[in-house]
């Protein structure tokens, strides 16, 4: 495998563990006509974390279909009274997620109760941080801050295959998988040898083990399918295969990577009943 390959697209395989089932469509793109590819080789030119990436055309509705920003939630979280412990007030969770501006918050669906926020250092940086927030009924409770990596050249809101940037936006998280067995996630999980990867990354680091655990980011993909599925509703030129996956100590081609234990923790925490989404981009863009 070429040294720049990350998140390869592969032919779909039968899911193991939890049964595959349809889920809510991507937050920022329309679901296209169902087309299940039967290609059995790595199509590096079509990959997102591989040679191609996803699209994040925030200002081009025609490119992405119906988006959260076109239909902002009418029921944004509101502050609630702090709870008490033996008569003493507990710390009140913030009513809005810190670091997100009004436009970004409007993209988050009203039913989302888990939000993974990936914040890049700047537009052209490939280092970032990830935090999982959960709405507790009165505000957003933050989990630990996890170090993360993103695409080699940083971020873009108009992503095309091969630009080596991660797409900015809000996307649902519907499906997971990996080379390793299901650790116990509530997401549909595809354990497959198709997640095996070799070769080296941009900094000469080995890629082996990068896809031990993955969560598919619903950008230019068909939700309710294995992360290995090749369907690209927006077309191959807009990339695909944008995943959260295990960090290989180097930048990706479009994905977001976390340390292996943190990926496992994320898989155990995500709950489809809470309609999880990822909010991702550089800090300045997310503040808009």
Protein backbone atom coordinates (compact mmCIF):
# COMPACT_ATOMS: atom_id res chain seq x y z
CA UNK A 1 0.00 0.00 0.00
CA UNK A 2 1.30 3.45 -0.89
CA UNK A 3 2.72 5.47 1.96
CA UNK A 4 -0.01 8.10 1.71
CA UNK A 5 -2.93 5.69 1.99
CA UNK A 6 -5.21 6.20 4.97
CA UNK A 7 -8.81 4.97 5.39
CA UNK A 8 -9.02 2.85 2.20
CA UNK A 9 -12.36 2.34 0.45
CA UNK A 10 -13.14 -1.34 0.01
CA UNK A 11 -15.97 -3.52 -1.11
CA UNK A 12 -18.74 -3.96 1.50
CA UNK A 13 -18.64 -7.12 3.59
CA UNK A 14 -21.31 -8.83 5.59
CA UNK A 15 -21.60 -7.19 9.00
CA UNK A 16 -20.93 -9.18 12.12
CA UNK A 17 -22.19 -8.52 15.63
CA UNK A 18 -25.10 -6.11 15.66
CA UNK A 19 -27.40 -6.32 12.64
CA UNK A 20 -26.99 -3.60 10.03
CA UNK A 21 -29.89 -1.24 10.02
CA UNK A 22 -30.81 2.07 8.39
CA UNK A 23 -30.07 5.15 10.43
CA UNK A 24 -30.66 8.86 10.13
CA UNK A 25 -29.07 10.39 7.04
CA UNK A 26 -25.97 12.54 7.12
CA UNK A 27 -26.49 15.85 8.83
CA UNK A 28 -25.05 17.81 5.93
CA UNK A 29 -25.83 15.87 2.78
CA UNK A 30 -28.78 14.22 1.08
CA UNK A 31 -28.98 10.44 0.83
CA UNK A 32 -28.39 9.43 -2.80
CA UNK A 33 -29.74 6.49 -4.73
CA UNK A 34 -28.59 3.23 -3.08
CA UNK A 35 -25.71 1.78 -4.97
CA UNK A 36 -23.61 -0.95 -3.36
CA UNK A 37 -20.22 -1.35 -4.97
CA UNK A 38 -18.71 -4.76 -5.37
CA UNK A 39 -15.13 -3.69 -5.96
CA UNK A 40 -12.68 -5.97 -4.12
CA UNK A 41 -9.54 -3.83 -4.40
CA UNK A 42 -8.40 -0.70 -2.65
CA UNK A 43 -9.59 2.35 -4.63
CA UNK A 44 -7.15 4.84 -3.24
CA UNK A 45 -8.27 7.60 -5.58
CA UNK A 46 -11.73 7.55 -4.02
CA UNK A 47 -10.73 7.59 -0.38
CA UNK A 48 -11.16 10.36 2.14
CA UNK A 49 -8.59 9.44 4.74
CA UNK A 50 -6.97 7.76 1.77
CA UNK A 51 -6.18 9.58 -1.46
CA UNK A 52 -9.51 11.42 -1.40
CA UNK A 53 -11.47 13.22 1.30
CA UNK A 54 -14.99 14.30 2.08
CA UNK A 55 -16.72 17.47 1.11
CA UNK A 56 -17.46 20.25 3.51
CA UNK A 57 -19.03 22.79 1.19
CA UNK A 58 -20.67 24.78 3.95
CA UNK A 59 -21.74 27.62 1.67
CA UNK A 60 -22.94 25.51 -1.28
CA UNK A 61 -26.25 23.81 -0.44
CA UNK A 62 -26.45 22.32 -3.91
CA UNK A 63 -23.22 20.43 -3.29
CA UNK A 64 -24.30 18.79 -0.07
CA UNK A 65 -28.09 18.60 -0.10
CA UNK A 66 -30.21 19.28 2.96
CA UNK A 67 -28.04 20.36 5.86
CA UNK A 68 -28.48 21.21 9.50
CA UNK A 69 -27.64 24.81 8.75
CA UNK A 70 -30.57 25.00 6.34
CA UNK A 71 -32.90 23.74 9.05
CA UNK A 72 -31.56 25.00 12.39
CA UNK A 73 -33.04 23.42 15.46
CA UNK A 74 -35.94 25.32 16.92
CA UNK A 75 -35.29 23.75 20.29
CA UNK A 76 -31.76 24.75 21.23
CA UNK A 77 -30.70 23.75 24.75
CA UNK A 78 -31.62 26.28 27.41
CA UNK A 79 -30.09 26.79 30.83
CA UNK A 80 -31.61 24.81 33.66
CA UNK A 81 -31.40 24.96 37.40
CA UNK A 82 -28.31 23.39 38.87
CA UNK A 83 -28.78 20.11 40.69
CA UNK A 84 -28.05 19.71 44.36
CA UNK A 85 -26.09 17.25 46.42
CA UNK A 86 -27.07 17.23 50.10
CA UNK A 87 -28.39 20.75 49.76
CA UNK A 88 -25.31 22.10 47.98
CA UNK A 89 -25.48 23.21 44.31
CA UNK A 90 -23.50 21.10 41.85
CA UNK A 91 -21.56 22.56 38.94
CA UNK A 92 -23.98 23.56 36.21
CA UNK A 93 -23.16 22.34 32.73
CA UNK A 94 -23.03 25.14 30.12
CA UNK A 95 -26.18 25.73 28.11
CA UNK A 96 -24.15 25.81 24.88
CA UNK A 97 -21.01 23.93 23.90
CA UNK A 98 -17.94 26.12 24.47
CA UNK A 99 -16.03 27.23 21.40
CA UNK A 100 -18.98 26.94 18.99
CA UNK A 101 -20.45 30.06 17.44
CA UNK A 102 -24.11 30.59 16.54
CA UNK A 103 -23.79 29.36 12.96
CA UNK A 104 -22.03 26.15 13.99
CA UNK A 105 -24.55 25.53 16.78
CA UNK A 106 -27.39 25.96 14.29
CA UNK A 107 -26.02 23.05 12.25
CA UNK A 108 -26.36 20.64 15.19
CA UNK A 109 -29.68 18.74 14.96
CA UNK A 110 -32.11 19.39 17.78
CA UNK A 111 -32.24 15.72 18.77
CA UNK A 112 -28.46 15.32 19.09
CA UNK A 113 -27.56 14.56 22.72
CA UNK A 114 -23.97 13.47 22.07
CA UNK A 115 -21.55 15.74 20.23
CA UNK A 116 -17.90 14.98 19.49
CA UNK A 117 -16.18 18.33 18.99
CA UNK A 118 -12.88 18.15 17.08
CA UNK A 119 -11.11 21.51 17.16
CA UNK A 120 -8.07 22.15 14.96
CA UNK A 121 -5.35 24.51 16.07
CA UNK A 122 -5.68 26.59 12.91
CA UNK A 123 -6.82 26.31 9.31
CA UNK A 124 -3.59 24.72 8.06
CA UNK A 125 -2.62 22.65 11.12
CA UNK A 126 -2.90 18.86 11.39
CA UNK A 127 -3.02 18.73 15.20
CA UNK A 128 -6.34 19.05 17.00
CA UNK A 129 -8.26 18.14 20.15
CA UNK A 130 -11.45 16.12 20.61
CA UNK A 131 -14.03 16.30 23.39
CA UNK A 132 -17.22 14.24 23.73
CA UNK A 133 -20.13 16.29 25.10
CA UNK A 134 -23.40 14.83 26.37
CA UNK A 135 -26.53 16.84 27.09
CA UNK A 136 -27.71 16.05 30.62
CA UNK A 137 -31.10 17.75 30.37
CA UNK A 138 -29.94 21.18 31.50
CA UNK A 139 -26.63 21.66 29.70
CA UNK A 140 -23.68 20.08 27.94
CA UNK A 141 -21.41 17.94 30.11
CA UNK A 142 -17.86 17.66 28.75
CA UNK A 143 -15.74 14.53 28.80
CA UNK A 144 -11.93 14.52 28.85
CA UNK A 145 -9.88 16.34 26.23
CA UNK A 146 -8.22 13.90 23.84
CA UNK A 147 -5.30 14.80 21.53
CA UNK A 148 -6.17 14.20 17.87
CA UNK A 149 -4.72 14.45 14.38
CA UNK A 150 -6.42 15.54 11.17
CA UNK A 151 -5.45 15.91 7.52
CA UNK A 152 -1.93 16.87 6.46
CA UNK A 153 -2.88 20.32 5.14
CA UNK A 154 -5.49 21.16 7.77
CA UNK A 155 -9.15 21.97 7.13
CA UNK A 156 -11.48 23.11 4.38
CA UNK A 157 -15.15 23.99 3.95
CA UNK A 158 -15.02 22.97 0.27
CA UNK A 159 -13.38 19.57 0.32
CA UNK A 160 -12.48 17.59 -2.80
CA UNK A 161 -10.78 14.25 -3.24
CA UNK A 162 -7.03 14.52 -2.87
CA UNK A 163 -6.84 17.98 -1.31
CA UNK A 164 -5.37 16.50 1.90
CA UNK A 165 -7.70 18.56 4.10
CA UNK A 166 -10.39 17.44 6.54
CA UNK A 167 -13.92 18.69 5.85
CA UNK A 168 -15.35 21.30 8.20
CA UNK A 169 -18.91 20.66 9.32
CA UNK A 170 -21.40 18.68 11.39
CA UNK A 171 -21.96 15.04 10.48
CA UNK A 172 -23.88 12.18 12.07
CA UNK A 173 -22.11 9.11 13.44
CA UNK A 174 -24.06 5.99 12.48
CA UNK A 175 -21.71 3.05 11.96
CA UNK A 176 -18.50 1.56 13.29
CA UNK A 177 -16.15 -1.30 12.58
CA UNK A 178 -12.58 -2.44 12.73
CA UNK A 179 -10.00 -5.14 12.42
CA UNK A 180 -10.47 -6.00 16.11
CA UNK A 181 -13.63 -7.55 17.61
CA UNK A 182 -16.48 -5.33 18.74
CA UNK A 183 -15.46 -3.90 22.13
CA UNK A 184 -19.11 -3.55 23.14
CA UNK A 185 -20.30 -0.48 21.26
CA UNK A 186 -24.01 0.19 20.76
CA UNK A 187 -23.32 1.32 17.19
CA UNK A 188 -23.64 -1.29 14.43
CA UNK A 189 -20.13 -2.79 14.20
CA UNK A 190 -18.51 -4.52 11.21
CA UNK A 191 -15.56 -6.71 12.25
CA UNK A 192 -13.71 -7.34 9.01
CA UNK A 193 -10.25 -8.20 7.68
CA UNK A 194 -10.96 -5.45 5.17
CA UNK A 195 -9.74 -2.99 7.81
CA UNK A 196 -6.20 -4.36 7.62
CA UNK A 197 -3.70 -1.72 6.47
CA UNK A 198 0.05 -1.61 5.87
CA UNK A 199 2.65 0.80 4.56
CA UNK A 200 3.78 4.11 6.01
CA UNK A 201 2.27 7.56 6.44
CA UNK A 202 3.43 11.04 5.55
CA UNK A 203 6.09 11.11 8.26
CA UNK A 204 7.32 7.58 7.68
CA UNK A 205 5.24 6.17 10.52
CA UNK A 206 3.72 2.67 10.13
CA UNK A 207 0.00 2.62 9.35
CA UNK A 208 -0.56 -0.88 10.68
CA UNK A 209 -3.31 -0.95 13.32
CA UNK A 210 -4.81 2.39 12.28
CA UNK A 211 -8.15 0.75 11.55
CA UNK A 212 -8.31 -1.54 14.56
CA UNK A 213 -11.30 0.63 15.56
CA UNK A 214 -13.12 3.11 13.31
CA UNK A 215 -16.29 5.18 13.42
CA UNK A 216 -17.56 6.30 10.02
CA UNK A 217 -18.24 10.03 9.73
CA UNK A 218 -21.41 10.37 7.64
CA UNK A 219 -19.86 12.55 4.97
CA UNK A 220 -20.59 11.48 1.38
CA UNK A 221 -21.56 7.97 2.46
CA UNK A 222 -24.67 5.86 2.93
CA UNK A 223 -25.57 5.67 6.65
CA UNK A 224 -26.54 2.24 7.91
CA UNK A 225 -23.74 0.48 6.03
CA UNK A 226 -20.26 -0.74 6.92
CA UNK A 227 -17.57 1.97 6.97
CA UNK A 228 -16.03 -0.07 4.11
CA UNK A 229 -19.03 0.57 1.84
CA UNK A 230 -18.12 2.40 -1.39
CA UNK A 231 -21.35 4.32 -1.99
CA UNK A 232 -20.63 8.03 -2.62
CA UNK A 233 -23.90 9.99 -2.96
CA UNK A 234 -22.08 13.17 -4.04
CA UNK A 235 -19.80 11.36 -6.47
CA UNK A 236 -16.26 10.06 -6.19
CA UNK A 237 -14.69 13.46 -6.88
CA UNK A 238 -15.95 14.70 -3.51
CA UNK A 239 -14.05 11.93 -1.73
CA UNK A 240 -15.26 9.61 0.98
CA UNK A 241 -14.06 7.24 3.66
CA UNK A 242 -13.80 9.98 6.28
CA UNK A 243 -13.42 8.17 9.59
CA UNK A 244 -12.52 8.55 13.21
CA UNK A 245 -9.79 5.94 13.67
CA UNK A 246 -6.72 4.95 15.66
CA UNK A 247 -3.83 7.42 15.57
CA UNK A 248 -0.67 6.33 13.73
CA UNK A 249 1.47 9.23 15.02
CA UNK A 250 1.13 11.26 11.86
CA UNK A 251 -1.32 13.37 9.86
CA UNK A 252 -4.14 11.76 7.90
CA UNK A 253 -5.47 12.36 4.41
CA UNK A 254 -8.85 13.54 5.65
CA UNK A 255 -9.80 11.54 8.73
CA UNK A 256 -9.54 12.37 12.42
CA UNK A 257 -7.41 10.02 14.52
CA UNK A 258 -7.34 9.38 18.27
CA UNK A 259 -5.14 7.26 20.48
CA UNK A 260 -6.27 3.63 20.54
CA UNK A 261 -7.63 3.69 24.09
CA UNK A 262 -9.55 6.88 23.37
CA UNK A 263 -11.07 5.33 20.25
CA UNK A 264 -12.19 2.37 22.35
CA UNK A 265 -13.61 4.74 24.97
CA UNK A 266 -15.49 6.60 22.25
CA UNK A 267 -16.95 3.40 20.83
CA UNK A 268 -18.19 2.38 24.28
CA UNK A 269 -19.71 5.83 24.92
CA UNK A 270 -21.55 6.49 21.64
CA UNK A 271 -25.25 5.64 21.76
CA UNK A 272 -27.46 5.72 18.64
CA UNK A 273 -30.44 6.60 20.86
CA UNK A 274 -28.70 9.91 21.61
CA UNK A 275 -28.22 10.71 17.88
CA UNK A 276 -24.46 11.39 18.06
CA UNK A 277 -22.78 13.81 15.69
CA UNK A 278 -19.27 15.11 15.16
CA UNK A 279 -18.56 18.83 14.89
CA UNK A 280 -15.17 19.30 13.25
CA UNK A 281 -13.02 22.12 11.96
CA UNK A 282 -10.40 24.67 12.86
CA UNK A 283 -11.11 26.76 15.96
CA UNK A 284 -11.79 29.99 14.07
CA UNK A 285 -14.32 28.35 11.74
CA UNK A 286 -16.15 26.65 14.63
CA UNK A 287 -16.50 29.99 16.43
CA UNK A 288 -18.57 31.38 13.56
